[in-house]
Full PDB file with SEQRES, HELIX, SHEET, SSBOND, CRYST1, ORIGX, SCALE, CONECT and MASTER records, all heavy atoms in Angstrom:
SEQRES   1 A   39  GLN ALA GLY GLY SER LEU ARG LEU SER CYS VAL SER SER          
SEQRES   2 A   39  GLY VAL THR LEU SER MET GLY TRP PHE ARG GLN ALA PRO          
SEQRES   3 A   39  GLY LYS GLU ARG GLU GLY VAL ALA ALA ILE SER THR SER          
SHEET    1 AA1 2 MET A  19  ARG A  23  0                                        
SHEET    2 AA1 2 GLU A  31  ILE A  36 -1                                        
CRYST1    1.000    1.000    1.000  90.00  90.00  90.00 P 1           1          
ORIGX1      1.000000  0.000000  0.000000        0.00000                         
ORIGX2      0.000000  1.000000  0.000000        0.00000                         
ORIGX3      0.000000  0.000000  1.000000        0.00000                         
SCALE1      1.000000  0.000000  0.000000        0.00000                         
SCALE2      0.000000  1.000000  0.000000        0.00000                         
SCALE3      0.000000  0.000000  1.000000        0.00000                         
ATOM      1  N   GLN A   1      -2.019   8.719   6.994  1.00  0.00           N  
ATOM      2  CA  GLN A   1      -1.032   8.713   5.929  1.00  0.00           C  
ATOM      3  C   GLN A   1      -0.986   7.342   5.271  1.00  0.00           C  
ATOM      4  O   GLN A   1      -1.331   6.329   5.885  1.00  0.00           O  
ATOM      5  CB  GLN A   1       0.346   9.060   6.480  1.00  0.00           C  
ATOM      6  CG  GLN A   1       0.473  10.470   7.020  1.00  0.00           C  
ATOM      7  CD  GLN A   1       0.480  11.502   5.926  1.00  0.00           C  
ATOM      8  OE1 GLN A   1       1.101  11.310   4.874  1.00  0.00           O  
ATOM      9  NE2 GLN A   1      -0.212  12.604   6.153  1.00  0.00           N  
ATOM     10  N   ALA A   2      -0.572   7.305   4.027  1.00  0.00           N  
ATOM     11  CA  ALA A   2      -0.401   6.031   3.333  1.00  0.00           C  
ATOM     12  C   ALA A   2       0.500   5.111   4.150  1.00  0.00           C  
ATOM     13  O   ALA A   2       1.514   5.544   4.699  1.00  0.00           O  
ATOM     14  CB  ALA A   2       0.189   6.263   1.950  1.00  0.00           C  
ATOM     15  N   GLY A   3       0.112   3.846   4.228  1.00  0.00           N  
ATOM     16  CA  GLY A   3       0.849   2.881   5.026  1.00  0.00           C  
ATOM     17  C   GLY A   3       0.329   2.727   6.432  1.00  0.00           C  
ATOM     18  O   GLY A   3       0.716   1.785   7.137  1.00  0.00           O  
ATOM     19  N   GLY A   4      -0.559   3.608   6.847  1.00  0.00           N  
ATOM     20  CA  GLY A   4      -1.118   3.558   8.183  1.00  0.00           C  
ATOM     21  C   GLY A   4      -2.264   2.576   8.298  1.00  0.00           C  
ATOM     22  O   GLY A   4      -2.614   1.877   7.345  1.00  0.00           O  
ATOM     23  N   SER A   5      -2.871   2.544   9.484  1.00  0.00           N  
ATOM     24  CA  SER A   5      -3.952   1.607   9.772  1.00  0.00           C  
ATOM     25  C   SER A   5      -5.127   2.299  10.433  1.00  0.00           C  
ATOM     26  O   SER A   5      -4.977   3.312  11.109  1.00  0.00           O  
ATOM     27  CB  SER A   5      -3.457   0.495  10.702  1.00  0.00           C  
ATOM     28  OG  SER A   5      -2.422  -0.271  10.117  1.00  0.00           O  
ATOM     29  N   LEU A   6      -6.296   1.728  10.225  1.00  0.00           N  
ATOM     30  CA  LEU A   6      -7.516   2.147  10.894  1.00  0.00           C  
ATOM     31  C   LEU A   6      -8.340   0.909  11.204  1.00  0.00           C  
ATOM     32  O   LEU A   6      -8.241  -0.095  10.500  1.00  0.00           O  
ATOM     33  CB  LEU A   6      -8.350   3.089  10.024  1.00  0.00           C  
ATOM     34  CG  LEU A   6      -7.897   4.536   9.858  1.00  0.00           C  
ATOM     35  CD1 LEU A   6      -8.779   5.221   8.822  1.00  0.00           C  
ATOM     36  CD2 LEU A   6      -7.958   5.276  11.183  1.00  0.00           C  
ATOM     37  N   ARG A   7      -9.154   0.994  12.234  1.00  0.00           N  
ATOM     38  CA  ARG A   7     -10.081  -0.080  12.556  1.00  0.00           C  
ATOM     39  C   ARG A   7     -11.493   0.482  12.611  1.00  0.00           C  
ATOM     40  O   ARG A   7     -11.801   1.328  13.450  1.00  0.00           O  
ATOM     41  CB  ARG A   7      -9.740  -0.729  13.898  1.00  0.00           C  
ATOM     42  CG  ARG A   7     -10.522  -2.017  14.154  1.00  0.00           C  
ATOM     43  CD  ARG A   7     -10.337  -2.505  15.567  1.00  0.00           C  
ATOM     44  NE  ARG A   7     -10.757  -3.888  15.722  1.00  0.00           N  
ATOM     45  CZ  ARG A   7     -10.995  -4.462  16.897  1.00  0.00           C  
ATOM     46  NH1 ARG A   7     -10.831  -3.776  18.018  1.00  0.00           N  
ATOM     47  NH2 ARG A   7     -11.365  -5.734  16.945  1.00  0.00           N  
ATOM     48  N   LEU A   8     -12.339   0.012  11.723  1.00  0.00           N  
ATOM     49  CA  LEU A   8     -13.723   0.426  11.686  1.00  0.00           C  
ATOM     50  C   LEU A   8     -14.574  -0.515  12.531  1.00  0.00           C  
ATOM     51  O   LEU A   8     -14.303  -1.715  12.597  1.00  0.00           O  
ATOM     52  CB  LEU A   8     -14.261   0.435  10.256  1.00  0.00           C  
ATOM     53  CG  LEU A   8     -13.485   1.245   9.218  1.00  0.00           C  
ATOM     54  CD1 LEU A   8     -14.215   1.201   7.885  1.00  0.00           C  
ATOM     55  CD2 LEU A   8     -13.287   2.680   9.689  1.00  0.00           C  
ATOM     56  N   SER A   9     -15.602   0.026  13.148  1.00  0.00           N  
ATOM     57  CA  SER A   9     -16.539  -0.764  13.928  1.00  0.00           C  
ATOM     58  C   SER A   9     -17.954  -0.477  13.464  1.00  0.00           C  
ATOM     59  O   SER A   9     -18.251   0.616  12.988  1.00  0.00           O  
ATOM     60  CB  SER A   9     -16.428  -0.436  15.420  1.00  0.00           C  
ATOM     61  OG  SER A   9     -15.149  -0.747  15.921  1.00  0.00           O  
ATOM     62  N   CYS A  10     -18.815  -1.452  13.620  1.00  0.00           N  
ATOM     63  CA  CYS A  10     -20.216  -1.310  13.264  1.00  0.00           C  
ATOM     64  C   CYS A  10     -21.035  -2.021  14.324  1.00  0.00           C  
ATOM     65  O   CYS A  10     -20.935  -3.247  14.466  1.00  0.00           O  
ATOM     66  CB  CYS A  10     -20.482  -1.906  11.881  1.00  0.00           C  
ATOM     67  SG  CYS A  10     -22.227  -2.028  11.426  1.00  0.00           S  
ATOM     68  N   VAL A  11     -21.836  -1.270  15.056  1.00  0.00           N  
ATOM     69  CA  VAL A  11     -22.663  -1.833  16.111  1.00  0.00           C  
ATOM     70  C   VAL A  11     -24.081  -2.028  15.594  1.00  0.00           C  
ATOM     71  O   VAL A  11     -24.678  -1.100  15.043  1.00  0.00           O  
ATOM     72  CB  VAL A  11     -22.675  -0.926  17.351  1.00  0.00           C  
ATOM     73  CG1 VAL A  11     -23.569  -1.521  18.428  1.00  0.00           C  
ATOM     74  CG2 VAL A  11     -21.260  -0.749  17.887  1.00  0.00           C  
ATOM     75  N   SER A  12     -24.598  -3.225  15.779  1.00  0.00           N  
ATOM     76  CA  SER A  12     -25.940  -3.568  15.331  1.00  0.00           C  
ATOM     77  C   SER A  12     -26.929  -3.533  16.485  1.00  0.00           C  
ATOM     78  O   SER A  12     -26.594  -3.884  17.616  1.00  0.00           O  
ATOM     79  CB  SER A  12     -25.937  -4.958  14.696  1.00  0.00           C  
ATOM     80  OG  SER A  12     -27.252  -5.391  14.402  1.00  0.00           O  
ATOM     81  N   SER A  13     -28.160  -3.148  16.188  1.00  0.00           N  
ATOM     82  CA  SER A  13     -29.202  -3.117  17.208  1.00  0.00           C  
ATOM     83  C   SER A  13     -29.893  -4.459  17.380  1.00  0.00           C  
ATOM     84  O   SER A  13     -30.698  -4.629  18.293  1.00  0.00           O  
ATOM     85  CB  SER A  13     -30.246  -2.053  16.864  1.00  0.00           C  
ATOM     86  OG  SER A  13     -30.961  -2.396  15.691  1.00  0.00           O  
ATOM     87  N   GLY A  14     -29.590  -5.423  16.501  1.00  0.00           N  
ATOM     88  CA  GLY A  14     -30.229  -6.712  16.565  1.00  0.00           C  
ATOM     89  C   GLY A  14     -29.373  -7.815  15.983  1.00  0.00           C  
ATOM     90  O   GLY A  14     -28.278  -7.569  15.474  1.00  0.00           O  
ATOM     91  N   VAL A  15     -29.874  -9.022  16.051  1.00  0.00           N  
ATOM     92  CA  VAL A  15     -29.169 -10.187  15.534  1.00  0.00           C  
ATOM     93  C   VAL A  15     -29.252 -10.220  14.008  1.00  0.00           C  
ATOM     94  O   VAL A  15     -30.303  -9.964  13.432  1.00  0.00           O  
ATOM     95  CB  VAL A  15     -29.755 -11.479  16.120  1.00  0.00           C  
ATOM     96  CG1 VAL A  15     -29.088 -12.701  15.496  1.00  0.00           C  
ATOM     97  CG2 VAL A  15     -29.595 -11.494  17.632  1.00  0.00           C  
ATOM     98  N   THR A  16     -28.140 -10.523  13.365  1.00  0.00           N  
ATOM     99  CA  THR A  16     -28.094 -10.636  11.915  1.00  0.00           C  
ATOM    100  C   THR A  16     -27.379 -11.920  11.516  1.00  0.00           C  
ATOM    101  O   THR A  16     -26.779 -12.595  12.346  1.00  0.00           O  
ATOM    102  CB  THR A  16     -27.359  -9.446  11.276  1.00  0.00           C  
ATOM    103  OG1 THR A  16     -25.973  -9.499  11.632  1.00  0.00           O  
ATOM    104  CG2 THR A  16     -27.942  -8.124  11.755  1.00  0.00           C  
ATOM    105  N   LEU A  17     -27.441 -12.244  10.241  1.00  0.00           N  
ATOM    106  CA  LEU A  17     -26.662 -13.353   9.706  1.00  0.00           C  
ATOM    107  C   LEU A  17     -25.383 -12.779   9.105  1.00  0.00           C  
ATOM    108  O   LEU A  17     -24.561 -12.237   9.836  1.00  0.00           O  
ATOM    109  CB  LEU A  17     -27.500 -14.147   8.703  1.00  0.00           C  
ATOM    110  CG  LEU A  17     -28.742 -14.818   9.321  1.00  0.00           C  
ATOM    111  CD1 LEU A  17     -29.506 -15.608   8.266  1.00  0.00           C  
ATOM    112  CD2 LEU A  17     -28.364 -15.732  10.475  1.00  0.00           C  
ATOM    113  N   SER A  18     -25.212 -12.865   7.795  1.00  0.00           N  
ATOM    114  CA  SER A  18     -24.002 -12.327   7.186  1.00  0.00           C  
ATOM    115  C   SER A  18     -23.920 -10.809   7.329  1.00  0.00           C  
ATOM    116  O   SER A  18     -24.943 -10.118   7.337  1.00  0.00           O  
ATOM    117  CB  SER A  18     -23.938 -12.698   5.705  1.00  0.00           C  
ATOM    118  OG  SER A  18     -23.890 -14.100   5.525  1.00  0.00           O  
ATOM    119  N   MET A  19     -22.704 -10.303   7.421  1.00  0.00           N  
ATOM    120  CA  MET A  19     -22.476  -8.870   7.459  1.00  0.00           C  
ATOM    121  C   MET A  19     -21.321  -8.542   6.520  1.00  0.00           C  
ATOM    122  O   MET A  19     -20.489  -9.396   6.227  1.00  0.00           O  
ATOM    123  CB  MET A  19     -22.151  -8.390   8.874  1.00  0.00           C  
ATOM    124  CG  MET A  19     -23.257  -8.656   9.875  1.00  0.00           C  
ATOM    125  SD  MET A  19     -22.920  -7.943  11.511  1.00  0.00           S  
ATOM    126  CE  MET A  19     -23.202  -6.194  11.173  1.00  0.00           C  
ATOM    127  N   GLY A  20     -21.275  -7.304   6.075  1.00  0.00           N  
ATOM    128  CA  GLY A  20     -20.224  -6.920   5.153  1.00  0.00           C  
ATOM    129  C   GLY A  20     -19.911  -5.443   5.196  1.00  0.00           C  
ATOM    130  O   GLY A  20     -20.626  -4.649   5.820  1.00  0.00           O  
ATOM    131  N   TRP A  21     -18.823  -5.104   4.531  1.00  0.00           N  
ATOM    132  CA  TRP A  21     -18.400  -3.715   4.370  1.00  0.00           C  
ATOM    133  C   TRP A  21     -18.369  -3.364   2.891  1.00  0.00           C  
ATOM    134  O   TRP A  21     -17.857  -4.142   2.076  1.00  0.00           O  
ATOM    135  CB  TRP A  21     -17.005  -3.489   4.950  1.00  0.00           C  
ATOM    136  CG  TRP A  21     -16.923  -3.564   6.439  1.00  0.00           C  
ATOM    137  CD1 TRP A  21     -16.545  -4.627   7.191  1.00  0.00           C  
ATOM    138  CD2 TRP A  21     -17.221  -2.505   7.356  1.00  0.00           C  
ATOM    139  NE1 TRP A  21     -16.579  -4.313   8.524  1.00  0.00           N  
ATOM    140  CE2 TRP A  21     -16.998  -3.015   8.656  1.00  0.00           C  
ATOM    141  CE3 TRP A  21     -17.650  -1.190   7.216  1.00  0.00           C  
ATOM    142  CZ2 TRP A  21     -17.189  -2.239   9.802  1.00  0.00           C  
ATOM    143  CZ3 TRP A  21     -17.846  -0.425   8.352  1.00  0.00           C  
ATOM    144  CH2 TRP A  21     -17.612  -0.954   9.621  1.00  0.00           C  
ATOM    145  N   PHE A  22     -18.899  -2.202   2.572  1.00  0.00           N  
ATOM    146  CA  PHE A  22     -18.859  -1.663   1.229  1.00  0.00           C  
ATOM    147  C   PHE A  22     -18.260  -0.270   1.285  1.00  0.00           C  
ATOM    148  O   PHE A  22     -18.216   0.351   2.340  1.00  0.00           O  
ATOM    149  CB  PHE A  22     -20.272  -1.609   0.626  1.00  0.00           C  
ATOM    150  CG  PHE A  22     -20.857  -2.966   0.357  1.00  0.00           C  
ATOM    151  CD1 PHE A  22     -21.345  -3.745   1.388  1.00  0.00           C  
ATOM    152  CD2 PHE A  22     -20.911  -3.474  -0.941  1.00  0.00           C  
ATOM    153  CE1 PHE A  22     -21.875  -5.002   1.148  1.00  0.00           C  
ATOM    154  CE2 PHE A  22     -21.448  -4.732  -1.193  1.00  0.00           C  
ATOM    155  CZ  PHE A  22     -21.920  -5.490  -0.155  1.00  0.00           C  
ATOM    156  N   ARG A  23     -17.796   0.223   0.149  1.00  0.00           N  
ATOM    157  CA  ARG A  23     -17.244   1.576   0.124  1.00  0.00           C  
ATOM    158  C   ARG A  23     -17.600   2.264  -1.175  1.00  0.00           C  
ATOM    159  O   ARG A  23     -17.828   1.623  -2.203  1.00  0.00           O  
ATOM    160  CB  ARG A  23     -15.728   1.559   0.324  1.00  0.00           C  
ATOM    161  CG  ARG A  23     -14.934   0.931  -0.820  1.00  0.00           C  
ATOM    162  CD  ARG A  23     -13.470   0.841  -0.453  1.00  0.00           C  
ATOM    163  NE  ARG A  23     -12.668   0.286  -1.529  1.00  0.00           N  
ATOM    164  CZ  ARG A  23     -11.383  -0.021  -1.428  1.00  0.00           C  
ATOM    165  NH1 ARG A  23     -10.743   0.179  -0.266  1.00  0.00           N  
ATOM    166  NH2 ARG A  23     -10.728  -0.522  -2.467  1.00  0.00           N  
ATOM    167  N   GLN A  24     -17.620   3.584  -1.109  1.00  0.00           N  
ATOM    168  CA  GLN A  24     -17.895   4.383  -2.286  1.00  0.00           C  
ATOM    169  C   GLN A  24     -16.966   5.594  -2.295  1.00  0.00           C  
ATOM    170  O   GLN A  24     -17.013   6.424  -1.392  1.00  0.00           O  
ATOM    171  CB  GLN A  24     -19.352   4.840  -2.326  1.00  0.00           C  
ATOM    172  CG  GLN A  24     -19.730   5.536  -3.616  1.00  0.00           C  
ATOM    173  CD  GLN A  24     -21.235   5.660  -3.781  1.00  0.00           C  
ATOM    174  OE1 GLN A  24     -21.987   5.584  -2.816  1.00  0.00           O  
ATOM    175  NE2 GLN A  24     -21.677   5.837  -5.016  1.00  0.00           N  
ATOM    176  N   ALA A  25     -16.121   5.666  -3.308  1.00  0.00           N  
ATOM    177  CA  ALA A  25     -15.201   6.783  -3.483  1.00  0.00           C  
ATOM    178  C   ALA A  25     -15.880   7.873  -4.307  1.00  0.00           C  
ATOM    179  O   ALA A  25     -16.844   7.608  -5.036  1.00  0.00           O  
ATOM    180  CB  ALA A  25     -13.930   6.310  -4.170  1.00  0.00           C  
ATOM    181  N   PRO A  26     -15.389   9.109  -4.224  1.00  0.00           N  
ATOM    182  CA  PRO A  26     -15.998  10.206  -4.983  1.00  0.00           C  
ATOM    183  C   PRO A  26     -16.060   9.909  -6.477  1.00  0.00           C  
ATOM    184  O   PRO A  26     -15.051   9.545  -7.082  1.00  0.00           O  
ATOM    185  CB  PRO A  26     -15.065  11.386  -4.695  1.00  0.00           C  
ATOM    186  CG  PRO A  26     -14.486  11.071  -3.355  1.00  0.00           C  
ATOM    187  CD  PRO A  26     -14.289   9.583  -3.373  1.00  0.00           C  
ATOM    188  N   GLY A  27     -17.237  10.042  -7.053  1.00  0.00           N  
ATOM    189  CA  GLY A  27     -17.408   9.824  -8.474  1.00  0.00           C  
ATOM    190  C   GLY A  27     -17.380   8.379  -8.924  1.00  0.00           C  
ATOM    191  O   GLY A  27     -17.398   8.117 -10.130  1.00  0.00           O  
ATOM    192  N   LYS A  28     -17.350   7.436  -7.988  1.00  0.00           N  
ATOM    193  CA  LYS A  28     -17.281   6.027  -8.338  1.00  0.00           C  
ATOM    194  C   LYS A  28     -18.467   5.257  -7.774  1.00  0.00           C  
ATOM    195  O   LYS A  28     -19.175   5.744  -6.891  1.00  0.00           O  
ATOM    196  CB  LYS A  28     -15.974   5.419  -7.836  1.00  0.00           C  
ATOM    197  CG  LYS A  28     -14.728   6.039  -8.439  1.00  0.00           C  
ATOM    198  CD  LYS A  28     -13.477   5.362  -7.936  1.00  0.00           C  
ATOM    199  CE  LYS A  28     -12.235   5.977  -8.559  1.00  0.00           C  
ATOM    200  NZ  LYS A  28     -10.999   5.330  -8.059  1.00  0.00           N  
ATOM    201  N   GLU A  29     -18.667   4.059  -8.286  1.00  0.00           N  
ATOM    202  CA  GLU A  29     -19.754   3.215  -7.822  1.00  0.00           C  
ATOM    203  C   GLU A  29     -19.390   2.522  -6.517  1.00  0.00           C  
ATOM    204  O   GLU A  29     -18.219   2.325  -6.193  1.00  0.00           O  
ATOM    205  CB  GLU A  29     -20.098   2.169  -8.885  1.00  0.00           C  
ATOM    206  CG  GLU A  29     -20.593   2.746 -10.200  1.00  0.00           C  
ATOM    207  CD  GLU A  29     -21.904   3.476 -10.047  1.00  0.00           C  
ATOM    208  OE1 GLU A  29     -22.762   3.024  -9.267  1.00  0.00           O  
ATOM    209  OE2 GLU A  29     -22.073   4.510 -10.714  1.00  0.00           O  
ATOM    210  N   ARG A  30     -20.411   2.145  -5.779  1.00  0.00           N  
ATOM    211  CA  ARG A  30     -20.209   1.397  -4.548  1.00  0.00           C  
ATOM    212  C   ARG A  30     -19.639   0.022  -4.853  1.00  0.00           C  
ATOM    213  O   ARG A  30     -20.062  -0.636  -5.814  1.00  0.00           O  
ATOM    214  CB  ARG A  30     -21.546   1.264  -3.814  1.00  0.00           C  
ATOM    215  CG  ARG A  30     -21.483   0.486  -2.500  1.00  0.00           C  
ATOM    216  CD  ARG A  30     -22.845   0.462  -1.838  1.00  0.00           C  
ATOM    217  NE  ARG A  30     -23.859  -0.113  -2.711  1.00  0.00           N  
ATOM    218  CZ  ARG A  30     -25.155  -0.175  -2.415  1.00  0.00           C  
ATOM    219  NH1 ARG A  30     -25.591   0.307  -1.259  1.00  0.00           N  
ATOM    220  NH2 ARG A  30     -26.007  -0.703  -3.274  1.00  0.00           N  
ATOM    221  N   GLU A  31     -18.688  -0.430  -4.054  1.00  0.00           N  
ATOM    222  CA  GLU A  31     -18.090  -1.737  -4.258  1.00  0.00           C  
ATOM    223  C   GLU A  31     -18.017  -2.509  -2.944  1.00  0.00           C  
ATOM    224  O   GLU A  31     -17.846  -1.929  -1.871  1.00  0.00           O  
ATOM    225  CB  GLU A  31     -16.693  -1.618  -4.860  1.00  0.00           C  
ATOM    226  CG  GLU A  31     -15.678  -0.937  -3.968  1.00  0.00           C  
ATOM    227  CD  GLU A  31     -14.266  -0.988  -4.516  1.00  0.00           C  
ATOM    228  OE1 GLU A  31     -13.975  -1.873  -5.349  1.00  0.00           O  
ATOM    229  OE2 GLU A  31     -13.445  -0.142  -4.106  1.00  0.00           O  
ATOM    230  N   GLY A  32     -18.123  -3.818  -3.044  1.00  0.00           N  
ATOM    231  CA  GLY A  32     -17.976  -4.668  -1.883  1.00  0.00           C  
ATOM    232  C   GLY A  32     -16.523  -4.765  -1.471  1.00  0.00           C  
ATOM    233  O   GLY A  32     -15.635  -4.893  -2.318  1.00  0.00           O  
ATOM    234  N   VAL A  33     -16.260  -4.722  -0.180  1.00  0.00           N  
ATOM    235  CA  VAL A  33     -14.906  -4.754   0.355  1.00  0.00           C  
ATOM    236  C   VAL A  33     -14.617  -6.066   1.072  1.00  0.00           C  
ATOM    237  O   VAL A  33     -13.626  -6.746   0.794  1.00  0.00           O  
ATOM    238  CB  VAL A  33     -14.659  -3.577   1.313  1.00  0.00           C  
ATOM    239  CG1 VAL A  33     -13.274  -3.668   1.941  1.00  0.00           C  
ATOM    240  CG2 VAL A  33     -14.834  -2.257   0.573  1.00  0.00           C  
ATOM    241  N   ALA A  34     -15.476  -6.431   2.013  1.00  0.00           N  
ATOM    242  CA  ALA A  34     -15.267  -7.638   2.802  1.00  0.00           C  
ATOM    243  C   ALA A  34     -16.588  -8.097   3.385  1.00  0.00           C  
ATOM    244  O   ALA A  34     -17.494  -7.295   3.607  1.00  0.00           O  
ATOM    245  CB  ALA A  34     -14.263  -7.378   3.932  1.00  0.00           C  
ATOM    246  N   ALA A  35     -16.699  -9.393   3.650  1.00  0.00           N  
ATOM    247  CA  ALA A  35     -17.912  -9.946   4.233  1.00  0.00           C  
ATOM    248  C   ALA A  35     -17.557 -11.104   5.150  1.00  0.00           C  
ATOM    249  O   ALA A  35     -16.499 -11.726   5.012  1.00  0.00           O  
ATOM    250  CB  ALA A  35     -18.872 -10.413   3.141  1.00  0.00           C  
ATOM    251  N   ILE A  36     -18.471 -11.399   6.074  1.00  0.00           N  
ATOM    252  CA  ILE A  36     -18.234 -12.460   7.047  1.00  0.00           C  
ATOM    253  C   ILE A  36     -19.547 -13.157   7.370  1.00  0.00           C  
ATOM    254  O   ILE A  36     -20.599 -12.527   7.455  1.00  0.00           O  
ATOM    255  CB  ILE A  36     -17.569 -11.880   8.316  1.00  0.00           C  
ATOM    256  CG1 ILE A  36     -17.119 -12.990   9.262  1.00  0.00           C  
ATOM    257  CG2 ILE A  36     -18.500 -10.892   9.011  1.00  0.00           C  
ATOM    258  CD1 ILE A  36     -16.181 -12.489  10.353  1.00  0.00           C  
ATOM    259  N   SER A  37     -19.485 -14.464   7.542  1.00  0.00           N  
ATOM    260  CA  SER A  37     -20.671 -15.248   7.834  1.00  0.00           C  
ATOM    261  C   SER A  37     -21.053 -15.148   9.304  1.00  0.00           C  
ATOM    262  O   SER A  37     -20.341 -14.567  10.120  1.00  0.00           O  
ATOM    263  CB  SER A  37     -20.452 -16.712   7.440  1.00  0.00           C  
ATOM    264  OG  SER A  37     -19.388 -17.289   8.178  1.00  0.00           O  
ATOM    265  N   THR A  38     -22.173 -15.737   9.643  1.00  0.00           N  
ATOM    266  CA  THR A  38     -22.758 -15.593  10.977  1.00  0.00           C  
ATOM    267  C   THR A  38     -21.803 -15.924  12.117  1.00  0.00           C  
ATOM    268  O   THR A  38     -21.705 -15.170  13.092  1.00  0.00           O  
ATOM    269  CB  THR A  38     -24.003 -16.482  11.096  1.00  0.00           C  
ATOM    270  OG1 THR A  38     -24.875 -16.240   9.995  1.00  0.00           O  
ATOM    271  CG2 THR A  38     -24.740 -16.198  12.400  1.00  0.00           C  
ATOM    272  N   SER A  39     -21.109 -17.041  11.995  1.00  0.00           N  
ATOM    273  CA  SER A  39     -20.224 -17.497  13.063  1.00  0.00           C  
ATOM    274  C   SER A  39     -18.743 -17.297  12.737  1.00  0.00           C  
ATOM    275  O   SER A  39     -17.886 -17.940  13.334  1.00  0.00           O  
ATOM    276  CB  SER A  39     -20.492 -18.965  13.373  1.00  0.00           C  
ATOM    277  OG  SER A  39     -21.814 -19.161  13.828  1.00  0.00           O  
TER     278      SER A  39                                                      
MASTER        0    0    0    0    2    0    0    6  277    1    0    3          
END                                                                             
């Protein structure tokens, strides 16, 4: 419901540098949401 919370997780099979989250809503273009550096 609106006002609620969720926690997404992403497990990687290897070492990476920067990582980020993107999203795509129905009928819309993909957009960047958040990103984080290596450390």
